[in-house]
Amino acid sequence: LEGLEKWKLQDPDLVFLDVLMPGLNGPQVLEQKGSFKAKVILMSAYSGEHNLETALNLGASLFLAKPFEDIFEVVRLAEELCK
């Protein structure tokens, strides 16, 4: 909830959301994001239920399965989204 409030106040260019979070989960946050312009990277260690297709349907720009094999690839993907 705190992160969603900061999102509304600061209007960032990029937001990372985990599927499982306390309070609101990632998909619930995406339902409430409204018309904010931020690109969203949804991520989860439970990639069976969530994948790129479900992430895109929820309004995310990208889905990343955890654990990450290469954090530098995650940074590169994030930079590409923000171009």
PDB file of N, CA and C in Angstrom:
ATOM      1  N   LEU A   1       0.826  -1.195   0.000  1.00  0.00           N
ATOM      2  CA  LEU A   1       0.000   0.000   0.000  1.00  0.00           C
ATOM      3  C   LEU A   1       0.865   1.252   0.000  1.00  0.00           C
ATOM      4  N   GLU A   2       1.937   1.216   0.781  1.00  0.00           N
ATOM      5  CA  GLU A   2       2.842   2.355   0.843  1.00  0.00           C
ATOM      6  C   GLU A   2       3.495   2.600  -0.522  1.00  0.00           C
ATOM      7  N   GLY A   3       3.884   1.521  -1.180  1.00  0.00           N
ATOM      8  CA  GLY A   3       4.496   1.650  -2.506  1.00  0.00           C
ATOM      9  C   GLY A   3       3.537   2.242  -3.527  1.00  0.00           C
ATOM     10  N   LEU A   4       2.274   1.846  -3.473  1.00  0.00           N
ATOM     11  CA  LEU A   4       1.273   2.393  -4.397  1.00  0.00           C
ATOM     12  C   LEU A   4       1.083   3.887  -4.152  1.00  0.00           C
ATOM     13  N   GLU A   5       1.066   4.292  -2.889  1.00  0.00           N
ATOM     14  CA  GLU A   5       0.935   5.723  -2.576  1.00  0.00           C
ATOM     15  C   GLU A   5       2.135   6.510  -3.100  1.00  0.00           C
ATOM     16  N   LYS A   6       3.335   5.953  -2.931  1.00  0.00           N
ATOM     17  CA  LYS A   6       4.530   6.636  -3.452  1.00  0.00           C
ATOM     18  C   LYS A   6       4.491   6.696  -4.974  1.00  0.00           C
ATOM     19  N   TRP A   7       3.992   5.651  -5.594  1.00  0.00           N
ATOM     20  CA  TRP A   7       3.855   5.629  -7.056  1.00  0.00           C
ATOM     21  C   TRP A   7       2.960   6.792  -7.494  1.00  0.00           C
ATOM     22  N   LYS A   8       1.848   6.968  -6.804  1.00  0.00           N
ATOM     23  CA  LYS A   8       0.912   8.040  -7.151  1.00  0.00           C
ATOM     24  C   LYS A   8       1.551   9.422  -6.965  1.00  0.00           C
ATOM     25  N   LEU A   9       2.358   9.578  -5.911  1.00  0.00           N
ATOM     26  CA  LEU A   9       2.960  10.872  -5.623  1.00  0.00           C
ATOM     27  C   LEU A   9       4.157  11.194  -6.511  1.00  0.00           C
ATOM     28  N   GLN A  10       4.969  10.186  -6.818  1.00  0.00           N
ATOM     29  CA  GLN A  10       6.236  10.434  -7.511  1.00  0.00           C
ATOM     30  C   GLN A  10       6.189  10.161  -9.002  1.00  0.00           C
ATOM     31  N   ASP A  11       5.211   9.410  -9.472  1.00  0.00           N
ATOM     32  CA  ASP A  11       5.036   9.102 -10.892  1.00  0.00           C
ATOM     33  C   ASP A  11       6.358   8.682 -11.565  1.00  0.00           C
ATOM     34  N   PRO A  12       6.946   7.555 -11.129  1.00  0.00           N
ATOM     35  CA  PRO A  12       8.237   7.109 -11.681  1.00  0.00           C
ATOM     36  C   PRO A  12       8.101   6.604 -13.113  1.00  0.00           C
ATOM     37  N   ASP A  13       9.224   6.435 -13.770  1.00  0.00           N
ATOM     38  CA  ASP A  13       9.251   5.896 -15.129  1.00  0.00           C
ATOM     39  C   ASP A  13       9.183   4.380 -15.146  1.00  0.00           C
ATOM     40  N   LEU A  14       9.652   3.733 -14.066  1.00  0.00           N
ATOM     41  CA  LEU A  14       9.729   2.277 -14.006  1.00  0.00           C
ATOM     42  C   LEU A  14       9.394   1.796 -12.607  1.00  0.00           C
ATOM     43  N   VAL A  15       8.600   0.723 -12.548  1.00  0.00           N
ATOM     44  CA  VAL A  15       8.225   0.122 -11.270  1.00  0.00           C
ATOM     45  C   VAL A  15       8.448  -1.385 -11.363  1.00  0.00           C
ATOM     46  N   PHE A  16       9.109  -1.942 -10.351  1.00  0.00           N
ATOM     47  CA  PHE A  16       9.254  -3.387 -10.215  1.00  0.00           C
ATOM     48  C   PHE A  16       8.203  -3.852  -9.220  1.00  0.00           C
ATOM     49  N   LEU A  17       7.421  -4.858  -9.594  1.00  0.00           N
ATOM     50  CA  LEU A  17       6.420  -5.427  -8.688  1.00  0.00           C
ATOM     51  C   LEU A  17       6.620  -6.925  -8.584  1.00  0.00           C
ATOM     52  N   ASP A  18       6.565  -7.435  -7.378  1.00  0.00           N
ATOM     53  CA  ASP A  18       6.571  -8.876  -7.186  1.00  0.00           C
ATOM     54  C   ASP A  18       5.120  -9.336  -7.168  1.00  0.00           C
ATOM     55  N   VAL A  19       4.875 -10.553  -7.619  1.00  0.00           N
ATOM     56  CA  VAL A  19       3.516 -11.080  -7.574  1.00  0.00           C
ATOM     57  C   VAL A  19       3.055 -11.209  -6.127  1.00  0.00           C
ATOM     58  N   LEU A  20       3.923 -11.725  -5.250  1.00  0.00           N
ATOM     59  CA  LEU A  20       3.553 -11.901  -3.847  1.00  0.00           C
ATOM     60  C   LEU A  20       4.165 -10.796  -3.003  1.00  0.00           C
ATOM     61  N   MET A  21       3.303  -9.950  -2.450  1.00  0.00           N
ATOM     62  CA  MET A  21       3.733  -8.867  -1.566  1.00  0.00           C
ATOM     63  C   MET A  21       2.711  -8.752  -0.446  1.00  0.00           C
ATOM     64  N   PRO A  22       3.111  -8.231   0.718  1.00  0.00           N
ATOM     65  CA  PRO A  22       2.132  -8.034   1.796  1.00  0.00           C
ATOM     66  C   PRO A  22       1.158  -6.914   1.434  1.00  0.00           C
ATOM     67  N   GLY A  23      -0.028  -6.999   1.967  1.00  0.00           N
ATOM     68  CA  GLY A  23      -1.040  -5.985   1.641  1.00  0.00           C
ATOM     69  C   GLY A  23      -1.647  -6.295   0.296  1.00  0.00           C
ATOM     70  N   LEU A  24      -1.269  -5.533  -0.705  1.00  0.00           N
ATOM     71  CA  LEU A  24      -1.714  -5.785  -2.082  1.00  0.00           C
ATOM     72  C   LEU A  24      -0.647  -6.583  -2.807  1.00  0.00           C
ATOM     73  N   ASN A  25      -1.048  -7.582  -3.582  1.00  0.00           N
ATOM     74  CA  ASN A  25      -0.061  -8.290  -4.399  1.00  0.00           C
ATOM     75  C   ASN A  25       0.151  -7.528  -5.715  1.00  0.00           C
ATOM     76  N   GLY A  26       1.125  -7.948  -6.480  1.00  0.00           N
ATOM     77  CA  GLY A  26       1.459  -7.249  -7.724  1.00  0.00           C
ATOM     78  C   GLY A  26       0.279  -7.070  -8.669  1.00  0.00           C
ATOM     79  N   PRO A  27      -0.480  -8.149  -8.981  1.00  0.00           N
ATOM     80  CA  PRO A  27      -1.648  -7.982  -9.844  1.00  0.00           C
ATOM     81  C   PRO A  27      -2.683  -7.006  -9.282  1.00  0.00           C
ATOM     82  N   GLN A  28      -2.875  -6.996  -7.968  1.00  0.00           N
ATOM     83  CA  GLN A  28      -3.819  -6.045  -7.373  1.00  0.00           C
ATOM     84  C   GLN A  28      -3.332  -4.607  -7.517  1.00  0.00           C
ATOM     85  N   VAL A  29      -2.035  -4.405  -7.379  1.00  0.00           N
ATOM     86  CA  VAL A  29      -1.474  -3.063  -7.571  1.00  0.00           C
ATOM     87  C   VAL A  29      -1.700  -2.623  -9.017  1.00  0.00           C
ATOM     88  N   LEU A  30      -1.485  -3.530  -9.961  1.00  0.00           N
ATOM     89  CA  LEU A  30      -1.697  -3.182 -11.370  1.00  0.00           C
ATOM     90  C   LEU A  30      -3.146  -2.802 -11.643  1.00  0.00           C
ATOM     91  N   GLU A  31      -4.076  -3.426 -10.949  1.00  0.00           N
ATOM     92  CA  GLU A  31      -5.493  -3.076 -11.112  1.00  0.00           C
ATOM     93  C   GLU A  31      -5.772  -1.655 -10.636  1.00  0.00           C
ATOM     94  N   GLN A  32      -4.986  -1.158  -9.691  1.00  0.00           N
ATOM     95  CA  GLN A  32      -5.230   0.157  -9.097  1.00  0.00           C
ATOM     96  C   GLN A  32      -4.325   1.257  -9.647  1.00  0.00           C
ATOM     97  N   LYS A  33      -3.444   0.919 -10.572  1.00  0.00           N
ATOM     98  CA  LYS A  33      -2.452   1.907 -10.998  1.00  0.00           C
ATOM     99  C   LYS A  33      -3.049   3.042 -11.816  1.00  0.00           C
ATOM    100  N   GLY A  34      -4.234   2.851 -12.350  1.00  0.00           N
ATOM    101  CA  GLY A  34      -4.872   3.919 -13.102  1.00  0.00           C
ATOM    102  C   GLY A  34      -4.122   4.237 -14.373  1.00  0.00           C
ATOM    103  N   SER A  35      -3.970   5.501 -14.665  1.00  0.00           N
ATOM    104  CA  SER A  35      -3.383   5.937 -15.934  1.00  0.00           C
ATOM    105  C   SER A  35      -1.923   6.363 -15.805  1.00  0.00           C
ATOM    106  N   PHE A  36      -1.242   5.885 -14.782  1.00  0.00           N
ATOM    107  CA  PHE A  36       0.158   6.253 -14.621  1.00  0.00           C
ATOM    108  C   PHE A  36       0.978   5.734 -15.784  1.00  0.00           C
ATOM    109  N   LYS A  37       1.982   6.486 -16.184  1.00  0.00           N
ATOM    110  CA  LYS A  37       2.766   6.176 -17.375  1.00  0.00           C
ATOM    111  C   LYS A  37       3.881   5.161 -17.137  1.00  0.00           C
ATOM    112  N   ALA A  38       4.159   4.817 -15.906  1.00  0.00           N
ATOM    113  CA  ALA A  38       5.308   3.967 -15.588  1.00  0.00           C
ATOM    114  C   ALA A  38       5.245   2.624 -16.304  1.00  0.00           C
ATOM    115  N   LYS A  39       6.390   2.190 -16.781  1.00  0.00           N
ATOM    116  CA  LYS A  39       6.544   0.825 -17.260  1.00  0.00           C
ATOM    117  C   LYS A  39       6.623  -0.049 -16.022  1.00  0.00           C
ATOM    118  N   VAL A  40       6.085  -1.255 -16.109  1.00  0.00           N
ATOM    119  CA  VAL A  40       6.055  -2.146 -14.960  1.00  0.00           C
ATOM    120  C   VAL A  40       6.700  -3.478 -15.310  1.00  0.00           C
ATOM    121  N   ILE A  41       7.626  -3.904 -14.459  1.00  0.00           N
ATOM    122  CA  ILE A  41       8.209  -5.231 -14.566  1.00  0.00           C
ATOM    123  C   ILE A  41       7.630  -6.055 -13.428  1.00  0.00           C
ATOM    124  N   LEU A  42       6.832  -7.056 -13.790  1.00  0.00           N
ATOM    125  CA  LEU A  42       6.244  -7.967 -12.814  1.00  0.00           C
ATOM    126  C   LEU A  42       7.166  -9.162 -12.682  1.00  0.00           C
ATOM    127  N   MET A  43       7.417  -9.597 -11.454  1.00  0.00           N
ATOM    128  CA  MET A  43       8.320 -10.723 -11.265  1.00  0.00           C
ATOM    129  C   MET A  43       7.776 -11.666 -10.209  1.00  0.00           C
ATOM    130  N   SER A  44       8.202 -12.934 -10.316  1.00  0.00           N
ATOM    131  CA  SER A  44       7.745 -13.922  -9.359  1.00  0.00           C
ATOM    132  C   SER A  44       8.617 -15.162  -9.408  1.00  0.00           C
ATOM    133  N   ALA A  45       8.767 -15.787  -8.263  1.00  0.00           N
ATOM    134  CA  ALA A  45       9.432 -17.089  -8.198  1.00  0.00           C
ATOM    135  C   ALA A  45       8.447 -18.190  -8.563  1.00  0.00           C
ATOM    136  N   TYR A  46       7.157 -17.857  -8.573  1.00  0.00           N
ATOM    137  CA  TYR A  46       6.098 -18.808  -8.904  1.00  0.00           C
ATOM    138  C   TYR A  46       5.632 -18.546 -10.320  1.00  0.00           C
ATOM    139  N   SER A  47       6.461 -18.892 -11.274  1.00  0.00           N
ATOM    140  CA  SER A  47       6.190 -18.530 -12.665  1.00  0.00           C
ATOM    141  C   SER A  47       5.212 -19.476 -13.355  1.00  0.00           C
ATOM    142  N   GLY A  48       4.715 -20.493 -12.664  1.00  0.00           N
ATOM    143  CA  GLY A  48       3.743 -21.385 -13.286  1.00  0.00           C
ATOM    144  C   GLY A  48       2.434 -20.680 -13.598  1.00  0.00           C
ATOM    145  N   GLU A  49       1.950 -19.893 -12.647  1.00  0.00           N
ATOM    146  CA  GLU A  49       0.683 -19.184 -12.816  1.00  0.00           C
ATOM    147  C   GLU A  49       0.856 -17.886 -13.598  1.00  0.00           C
ATOM    148  N   HIS A  50       2.003 -17.264 -13.461  1.00  0.00           N
ATOM    149  CA  HIS A  50       2.253 -15.982 -14.106  1.00  0.00           C
ATOM    150  C   HIS A  50       3.378 -16.130 -15.123  1.00  0.00           C
ATOM    151  N   ASN A  51       3.183 -15.479 -16.247  1.00  0.00           N
ATOM    152  CA  ASN A  51       4.187 -15.485 -17.311  1.00  0.00           C
ATOM    153  C   ASN A  51       4.041 -14.178 -18.084  1.00  0.00           C
ATOM    154  N   LEU A  52       4.754 -14.058 -19.182  1.00  0.00           N
ATOM    155  CA  LEU A  52       4.695 -12.806 -19.945  1.00  0.00           C
ATOM    156  C   LEU A  52       3.275 -12.502 -20.403  1.00  0.00           C
ATOM    157  N   GLU A  53       2.559 -13.505 -20.864  1.00  0.00           N
ATOM    158  CA  GLU A  53       1.198 -13.270 -21.356  1.00  0.00           C
ATOM    159  C   GLU A  53       0.280 -12.751 -20.249  1.00  0.00           C
ATOM    160  N   THR A  54       0.314 -13.386 -19.078  1.00  0.00           N
ATOM    161  CA  THR A  54      -0.552 -12.906 -17.998  1.00  0.00           C
ATOM    162  C   THR A  54      -0.098 -11.536 -17.504  1.00  0.00           C
ATOM    163  N   ALA A  55       1.202 -11.307 -17.477  1.00  0.00           N
ATOM    164  CA  ALA A  55       1.706  -9.992 -17.054  1.00  0.00           C
ATOM    165  C   ALA A  55       1.230  -8.894 -17.998  1.00  0.00           C
ATOM    166  N   LEU A  56       1.317  -9.139 -19.299  1.00  0.00           N
ATOM    167  CA  LEU A  56       0.860  -8.152 -20.276  1.00  0.00           C
ATOM    168  C   LEU A  56      -0.647  -7.914 -20.140  1.00  0.00           C
ATOM    169  N   ASN A  57      -1.409  -8.972 -19.906  1.00  0.00           N
ATOM    170  CA  ASN A  57      -2.858  -8.832 -19.716  1.00  0.00           C
ATOM    171  C   ASN A  57      -3.198  -8.022 -18.475  1.00  0.00           C
ATOM    172  N   LEU A  58      -2.327  -8.061 -17.476  1.00  0.00           N
ATOM    173  CA  LEU A  58      -2.542  -7.287 -16.256  1.00  0.00           C
ATOM    174  C   LEU A  58      -2.100  -5.836 -16.399  1.00  0.00           C
ATOM    175  N   GLY A  59      -1.375  -5.524 -17.476  1.00  0.00           N
ATOM    176  CA  GLY A  59      -0.907  -4.149 -17.680  1.00  0.00           C
ATOM    177  C   GLY A  59       0.573  -3.951 -17.451  1.00  0.00           C
ATOM    178  N   ALA A  60       1.304  -5.034 -17.190  1.00  0.00           N
ATOM    179  CA  ALA A  60       2.753  -4.922 -17.026  1.00  0.00           C
ATOM    180  C   ALA A  60       3.417  -4.861 -18.402  1.00  0.00           C
ATOM    181  N   SER A  61       4.643  -4.415 -18.416  1.00  0.00           N
ATOM    182  CA  SER A  61       5.412  -4.323 -19.658  1.00  0.00           C
ATOM    183  C   SER A  61       6.279  -5.551 -19.880  1.00  0.00           C
ATOM    184  N   LEU A  62       6.608  -6.251 -18.781  1.00  0.00           N
ATOM    185  CA  LEU A  62       7.540  -7.372 -18.863  1.00  0.00           C
ATOM    186  C   LEU A  62       7.323  -8.271 -17.657  1.00  0.00           C
ATOM    187  N   PHE A  63       7.602  -9.558 -17.825  1.00  0.00           N
ATOM    188  CA  PHE A  63       7.577 -10.503 -16.714  1.00  0.00           C
ATOM    189  C   PHE A  63       8.949 -11.132 -16.592  1.00  0.00           C
ATOM    190  N   LEU A  64       9.454 -11.212 -15.369  1.00  0.00           N
ATOM    191  CA  LEU A  64      10.732 -11.866 -15.103  1.00  0.00           C
ATOM    192  C   LEU A  64      10.538 -12.934 -14.040  1.00  0.00           C
ATOM    193  N   ALA A  65      11.003 -14.138 -14.338  1.00  0.00           N
ATOM    194  CA  ALA A  65      10.954 -15.226 -13.364  1.00  0.00           C
ATOM    195  C   ALA A  65      12.147 -15.112 -12.431  1.00  0.00           C
ATOM    196  N   LYS A  66      11.914 -15.380 -11.153  1.00  0.00           N
ATOM    197  CA  LYS A  66      12.990 -15.389 -10.180  1.00  0.00           C
ATOM    198  C   LYS A  66      13.316 -16.843  -9.861  1.00  0.00           C
ATOM    199  N   PRO A  67      14.486 -17.157  -9.430  1.00  0.00           N
ATOM    200  CA  PRO A  67      15.596 -16.240  -9.202  1.00  0.00           C
ATOM    201  C   PRO A  67      16.235 -15.812 -10.515  1.00  0.00           C
ATOM    202  N   PHE A  68      16.836 -14.640 -10.499  1.00  0.00           N
ATOM    203  CA  PHE A  68      17.500 -14.126 -11.680  1.00  0.00           C
ATOM    204  C   PHE A  68      18.850 -14.813 -11.843  1.00  0.00           C
ATOM    205  N   GLU A  69      19.136 -15.225 -13.050  1.00  0.00           N
ATOM    206  CA  GLU A  69      20.445 -15.833 -13.311  1.00  0.00           C
ATOM    207  C   GLU A  69      21.512 -14.764 -13.504  1.00  0.00           C
ATOM    208  N   ASP A  70      21.106 -13.599 -14.022  1.00  0.00           N
ATOM    209  CA  ASP A  70      22.067 -12.539 -14.327  1.00  0.00           C
ATOM    210  C   ASP A  70      21.425 -11.184 -14.033  1.00  0.00           C
ATOM    211  N   ILE A  71      21.765 -10.586 -12.911  1.00  0.00           N
ATOM    212  CA  ILE A  71      21.179  -9.304 -12.529  1.00  0.00           C
ATOM    213  C   ILE A  71      21.502  -8.217 -13.550  1.00  0.00           C
ATOM    214  N   PHE A  72      22.626  -8.342 -14.228  1.00  0.00           N
ATOM    215  CA  PHE A  72      22.977  -7.345 -15.239  1.00  0.00           C
ATOM    216  C   PHE A  72      22.021  -7.411 -16.429  1.00  0.00           C
ATOM    217  N   GLU A  73      21.486  -8.580 -16.708  1.00  0.00           N
ATOM    218  CA  GLU A  73      20.476  -8.720 -17.763  1.00  0.00           C
ATOM    219  C   GLU A  73      19.178  -8.050 -17.333  1.00  0.00           C
ATOM    220  N   VAL A  74      18.835  -8.147 -16.061  1.00  0.00           N
ATOM    221  CA  VAL A  74      17.645  -7.471 -15.539  1.00  0.00           C
ATOM    222  C   VAL A  74      17.797  -5.962 -15.690  1.00  0.00           C
ATOM    223  N   VAL A  75      18.961  -5.442 -15.357  1.00  0.00           N
ATOM    224  CA  VAL A  75      19.231  -4.010 -15.491  1.00  0.00           C
ATOM    225  C   VAL A  75      19.149  -3.597 -16.966  1.00  0.00           C
ATOM    226  N   ARG A  76      19.712  -4.409 -17.852  1.00  0.00           N
ATOM    227  CA  ARG A  76      19.676  -4.105 -19.282  1.00  0.00           C
ATOM    228  C   ARG A  76      18.232  -4.061 -19.791  1.00  0.00           C
ATOM    229  N   LEU A  77      17.419  -5.036 -19.394  1.00  0.00           N
ATOM    230  CA  LEU A  77      16.009  -5.070 -19.799  1.00  0.00           C
ATOM    231  C   LEU A  77      15.247  -3.851 -19.276  1.00  0.00           C
ATOM    232  N   ALA A  78      15.531  -3.459 -18.035  1.00  0.00           N
ATOM    233  CA  ALA A  78      14.886  -2.279 -17.462  1.00  0.00           C
ATOM    234  C   ALA A  78      15.273  -1.021 -18.223  1.00  0.00           C
ATOM    235  N   GLU A  79      16.553  -0.899 -18.557  1.00  0.00           N
ATOM    236  CA  GLU A  79      17.003   0.271 -19.325  1.00  0.00           C
ATOM    237  C   GLU A  79      16.360   0.305 -20.709  1.00  0.00           C
ATOM    238  N   GLU A  80      16.204  -0.847 -21.326  1.00  0.00           N
ATOM    239  CA  GLU A  80      15.561  -0.919 -22.651  1.00  0.00           C
ATOM    240  C   GLU A  80      14.109  -0.452 -22.579  1.00  0.00           C
ATOM    241  N   LEU A  81      13.414  -0.839 -21.521  1.00  0.00           N
ATOM    242  CA  LEU A  81      12.025  -0.429 -21.358  1.00  0.00           C
ATOM    243  C   LEU A  81      11.885   1.075 -21.219  1.00  0.00           C
ATOM    244  N   CYS A  82      12.855   1.700 -20.614  1.00  0.00           N
ATOM    245  CA  CYS A  82      12.762   3.135 -20.322  1.00  0.00           C
ATOM    246  C   CYS A  82      13.255   4.024 -21.459  1.00  0.00           C
ATOM    247  N   LYS A  83      13.708   3.442 -22.530  1.00  0.00           N
ATOM    248  CA  LYS A  83      14.179   4.270 -23.655  1.00  0.00           C
ATOM    249  C   LYS A  83      13.044   4.933 -24.373  1.00  0.00           C
TER     250      LYS A  83
END
